[in-house]
Amino acid sequence: MKNVMMIAVFAAAVFTATTMEASTPAASGVNTAAFREWKKSASGTWAGMHEGKTLWYKLDKKGGLWHSTDGKEWMADKGGAWTDKDGKWLKIHDKKLVWSTDGTSWTEVPEWKWEGADGKWNKFDAKWNLWVNE
């Protein structure tokens, strides 16, 4: 009788695990960027948006933000901020990467990662090197 009970419990556990796994959506809320490899950006540039146009951004050695419309001619960015794919504003403030949806309330970006306007994932390391996860 013990063997029959143990088999029944085991079968129920296998059935439950299989049912739960099959009913869980494969990509619901999963950040697929976590499964790809991060590579240090050769150019140090990322895509952002400004007034509906894609601009390229980069940091200088002092942490100043620069932007370009073509990736060739660069101008210091007076506002010091760019937007991600979702329209959130990002900027470097007090040696941290922060973001905001309204431009007034800022919070630190988790793991300093954001999705660029071009759909590529970007992150900064502690030395402000740019890493890309395509």
C-alpha atoms as a PDB file:
ATOM      1  CA  MET A   1       0.000   0.000   0.000  1.00  0.00           C
ATOM      2  CA  LYS A   2       2.906   2.362   0.757  1.00  0.00           C
ATOM      3  CA  ASN A   3       4.285   1.824  -2.736  1.00  0.00           C
ATOM      4  CA  VAL A   4       0.940   2.652  -4.335  1.00  0.00           C
ATOM      5  CA  MET A   5       0.672   5.862  -2.266  1.00  0.00           C
ATOM      6  CA  MET A   6       4.224   6.916  -3.116  1.00  0.00           C
ATOM      7  CA  ILE A   7       3.615   6.308  -6.817  1.00  0.00           C
ATOM      8  CA  ALA A   8       0.395   8.342  -6.651  1.00  0.00           C
ATOM      9  CA  VAL A   9       2.160  11.251  -4.895  1.00  0.00           C
ATOM     10  CA  PHE A  10       5.023  11.152  -7.391  1.00  0.00           C
ATOM     11  CA  ALA A  11       2.619  11.060 -10.354  1.00  0.00           C
ATOM     12  CA  ALA A  12       0.657  14.008  -8.937  1.00  0.00           C
ATOM     13  CA  ALA A  13       3.859  16.026  -8.467  1.00  0.00           C
ATOM     14  CA  VAL A  14       5.024  15.313 -12.028  1.00  0.00           C
ATOM     15  CA  PHE A  15       1.583  16.184 -13.425  1.00  0.00           C
ATOM     16  CA  THR A  16       1.461  19.470 -11.482  1.00  0.00           C
ATOM     17  CA  ALA A  17       4.964  20.519 -12.556  1.00  0.00           C
ATOM     18  CA  THR A  18       4.250  19.676 -16.191  1.00  0.00           C
ATOM     19  CA  THR A  19       0.918  21.521 -16.167  1.00  0.00           C
ATOM     20  CA  MET A  20       2.436  24.628 -14.565  1.00  0.00           C
ATOM     21  CA  GLU A  21       5.329  24.684 -17.030  1.00  0.00           C
ATOM     22  CA  ALA A  22       3.034  24.268 -20.024  1.00  0.00           C
ATOM     23  CA  SER A  23       0.664  27.029 -18.897  1.00  0.00           C
ATOM     24  CA  THR A  24       3.391  29.626 -18.247  1.00  0.00           C
ATOM     25  CA  PRO A  25       3.811  31.961 -21.229  1.00  0.00           C
ATOM     26  CA  ALA A  26       7.346  31.701 -22.561  1.00  0.00           C
ATOM     27  CA  ALA A  27       8.009  35.405 -23.047  1.00  0.00           C
ATOM     28  CA  SER A  28       5.565  37.162 -20.751  1.00  0.00           C
ATOM     29  CA  GLY A  29       7.466  39.953 -19.048  1.00  0.00           C
ATOM     30  CA  VAL A  30      10.846  38.314 -19.638  1.00  0.00           C
ATOM     31  CA  ASN A  31      13.689  40.674 -20.428  1.00  0.00           C
ATOM     32  CA  THR A  32      15.347  38.843 -23.315  1.00  0.00           C
ATOM     33  CA  ALA A  33      18.376  41.141 -23.041  1.00  0.00           C
ATOM     34  CA  ALA A  34      19.371  39.202 -19.948  1.00  0.00           C
ATOM     35  CA  PHE A  35      19.983  36.125 -22.111  1.00  0.00           C
ATOM     36  CA  ARG A  36      22.309  37.740 -24.642  1.00  0.00           C
ATOM     37  CA  GLU A  37      25.956  38.589 -24.249  1.00  0.00           C
ATOM     38  CA  TRP A  38      27.081  42.104 -23.338  1.00  0.00           C
ATOM     39  CA  LYS A  39      29.884  43.571 -25.462  1.00  0.00           C
ATOM     40  CA  LYS A  40      31.856  46.721 -24.807  1.00  0.00           C
ATOM     41  CA  SER A  41      30.815  49.308 -27.373  1.00  0.00           C
ATOM     42  CA  ALA A  42      33.582  50.062 -29.856  1.00  0.00           C
ATOM     43  CA  SER A  43      32.135  53.479 -30.676  1.00  0.00           C
ATOM     44  CA  GLY A  44      30.813  54.384 -27.218  1.00  0.00           C
ATOM     45  CA  THR A  45      27.623  55.713 -28.815  1.00  0.00           C
ATOM     46  CA  TRP A  46      23.936  54.918 -28.337  1.00  0.00           C
ATOM     47  CA  ALA A  47      20.666  55.922 -29.975  1.00  0.00           C
ATOM     48  CA  GLY A  48      18.225  58.242 -28.255  1.00  0.00           C
ATOM     49  CA  MET A  49      15.275  60.357 -29.296  1.00  0.00           C
ATOM     50  CA  HIS A  50      14.745  64.093 -29.227  1.00  0.00           C
ATOM     51  CA  GLU A  51      11.612  65.751 -30.606  1.00  0.00           C
ATOM     52  CA  GLY A  52      10.756  62.645 -32.634  1.00  0.00           C
ATOM     53  CA  LYS A  53      14.195  62.357 -34.253  1.00  0.00           C
ATOM     54  CA  THR A  54      16.848  59.733 -33.579  1.00  0.00           C
ATOM     55  CA  LEU A  55      20.074  61.241 -32.292  1.00  0.00           C
ATOM     56  CA  TRP A  56      23.343  59.551 -31.400  1.00  0.00           C
ATOM     57  CA  TYR A  57      24.840  60.213 -27.985  1.00  0.00           C
ATOM     58  CA  LYS A  58      28.210  59.686 -26.340  1.00  0.00           C
ATOM     59  CA  LEU A  59      30.081  60.756 -23.214  1.00  0.00           C
ATOM     60  CA  ASP A  60      33.378  62.603 -23.225  1.00  0.00           C
ATOM     61  CA  LYS A  61      36.189  61.742 -20.809  1.00  0.00           C
ATOM     62  CA  LYS A  62      34.781  64.158 -18.216  1.00  0.00           C
ATOM     63  CA  GLY A  63      31.274  62.644 -18.383  1.00  0.00           C
ATOM     64  CA  GLY A  64      29.810  65.398 -20.559  1.00  0.00           C
ATOM     65  CA  LEU A  65      27.041  64.372 -22.940  1.00  0.00           C
ATOM     66  CA  TRP A  66      27.404  64.963 -26.684  1.00  0.00           C
ATOM     67  CA  HIS A  67      24.883  64.368 -29.474  1.00  0.00           C
ATOM     68  CA  SER A  68      24.957  63.989 -33.242  1.00  0.00           C
ATOM     69  CA  THR A  69      22.392  63.619 -36.005  1.00  0.00           C
ATOM     70  CA  ASP A  70      24.738  61.627 -38.248  1.00  0.00           C
ATOM     71  CA  GLY A  71      27.394  60.137 -35.936  1.00  0.00           C
ATOM     72  CA  LYS A  72      30.080  62.335 -37.506  1.00  0.00           C
ATOM     73  CA  GLU A  73      29.587  65.911 -36.286  1.00  0.00           C
ATOM     74  CA  TRP A  74      29.176  66.197 -32.512  1.00  0.00           C
ATOM     75  CA  MET A  75      27.809  68.996 -30.330  1.00  0.00           C
ATOM     76  CA  ALA A  76      27.844  69.307 -26.550  1.00  0.00           C
ATOM     77  CA  ASP A  77      24.349  68.534 -25.304  1.00  0.00           C
ATOM     78  CA  LYS A  78      23.221  71.487 -23.167  1.00  0.00           C
ATOM     79  CA  GLY A  79      20.271  69.626 -21.657  1.00  0.00           C
ATOM     80  CA  GLY A  80      22.400  66.651 -20.640  1.00  0.00           C
ATOM     81  CA  ALA A  81      19.566  64.149 -21.136  1.00  0.00           C
ATOM     82  CA  TRP A  82      18.214  61.726 -23.737  1.00  0.00           C
ATOM     83  CA  THR A  83      15.144  59.516 -24.021  1.00  0.00           C
ATOM     84  CA  ASP A  84      14.935  55.742 -24.223  1.00  0.00           C
ATOM     85  CA  LYS A  85      12.673  53.598 -26.397  1.00  0.00           C
ATOM     86  CA  ASP A  86       9.752  54.084 -23.955  1.00  0.00           C
ATOM     87  CA  GLY A  87      10.129  57.869 -23.818  1.00  0.00           C
ATOM     88  CA  LYS A  88      11.699  58.041 -20.336  1.00  0.00           C
ATOM     89  CA  TRP A  89      14.311  60.746 -19.865  1.00  0.00           C
ATOM     90  CA  LEU A  90      17.784  59.595 -18.756  1.00  0.00           C
ATOM     91  CA  LYS A  91      20.738  61.602 -17.489  1.00  0.00           C
ATOM     92  CA  ILE A  92      23.803  61.323 -15.316  1.00  0.00           C
ATOM     93  CA  HIS A  93      23.300  63.030 -11.971  1.00  0.00           C
ATOM     94  CA  ASP A  94      25.443  62.788  -8.821  1.00  0.00           C
ATOM     95  CA  LYS A  95      27.574  60.060 -10.449  1.00  0.00           C
ATOM     96  CA  LYS A  96      24.515  57.873 -11.112  1.00  0.00           C
ATOM     97  CA  LEU A  97      22.384  57.096 -14.143  1.00  0.00           C
ATOM     98  CA  VAL A  98      18.858  58.289 -13.390  1.00  0.00           C
ATOM     99  CA  TRP A  99      15.590  58.435 -15.301  1.00  0.00           C
ATOM    100  CA  SER A 100      12.260  60.200 -15.185  1.00  0.00           C
ATOM    101  CA  THR A 101       8.911  60.089 -16.928  1.00  0.00           C
ATOM    102  CA  ASP A 102       8.087  63.732 -16.190  1.00  0.00           C
ATOM    103  CA  GLY A 103      11.490  65.464 -16.044  1.00  0.00           C
ATOM    104  CA  THR A 104      11.072  66.479 -12.402  1.00  0.00           C
ATOM    105  CA  SER A 105      11.178  63.274 -10.327  1.00  0.00           C
ATOM    106  CA  TRP A 106      14.337  61.209 -10.946  1.00  0.00           C
ATOM    107  CA  THR A 107      15.255  57.709  -9.752  1.00  0.00           C
ATOM    108  CA  GLU A 108      18.345  55.580 -10.324  1.00  0.00           C
ATOM    109  CA  VAL A 109      18.133  53.257 -13.331  1.00  0.00           C
ATOM    110  CA  PRO A 110      18.303  49.613 -12.173  1.00  0.00           C
ATOM    111  CA  GLU A 111      21.672  48.114 -13.106  1.00  0.00           C
ATOM    112  CA  TRP A 112      22.203  51.243 -15.276  1.00  0.00           C
ATOM    113  CA  LYS A 113      20.513  49.454 -18.222  1.00  0.00           C
ATOM    114  CA  TRP A 114      18.095  50.949 -20.739  1.00  0.00           C
ATOM    115  CA  GLU A 115      16.671  50.123 -24.143  1.00  0.00           C
ATOM    116  CA  GLY A 116      17.830  52.613 -26.759  1.00  0.00           C
ATOM    117  CA  ALA A 117      15.611  54.194 -29.380  1.00  0.00           C
ATOM    118  CA  ASP A 118      16.983  51.631 -31.858  1.00  0.00           C
ATOM    119  CA  GLY A 119      15.878  48.672 -29.710  1.00  0.00           C
ATOM    120  CA  LYS A 120      19.401  47.788 -28.543  1.00  0.00           C
ATOM    121  CA  TRP A 121      20.017  47.398 -24.827  1.00  0.00           C
ATOM    122  CA  ASN A 122      22.741  49.570 -23.307  1.00  0.00           C
ATOM    123  CA  LYS A 123      24.380  49.846 -19.909  1.00  0.00           C
ATOM    124  CA  PHE A 124      27.162  51.765 -18.265  1.00  0.00           C
ATOM    125  CA  ASP A 125      29.718  50.216 -15.949  1.00  0.00           C
ATOM    126  CA  ALA A 126      31.185  51.992 -12.917  1.00  0.00           C
ATOM    127  CA  LYS A 127      33.766  53.770 -15.125  1.00  0.00           C
ATOM    128  CA  TRP A 128      31.069  54.976 -17.559  1.00  0.00           C
ATOM    129  CA  ASN A 129      32.118  52.582 -20.304  1.00  0.00           C
ATOM    130  CA  LEU A 130      29.194  51.736 -22.577  1.00  0.00           C
ATOM    131  CA  TRP A 131      28.184  48.099 -23.056  1.00  0.00           C
ATOM    132  CA  VAL A 132      25.703  46.929 -25.686  1.00  0.00           C
ATOM    133  CA  ASN A 133      23.464  43.868 -25.791  1.00  0.00           C
ATOM    134  CA  GLU A 134      22.107  43.507 -29.310  1.00  0.00           C
END
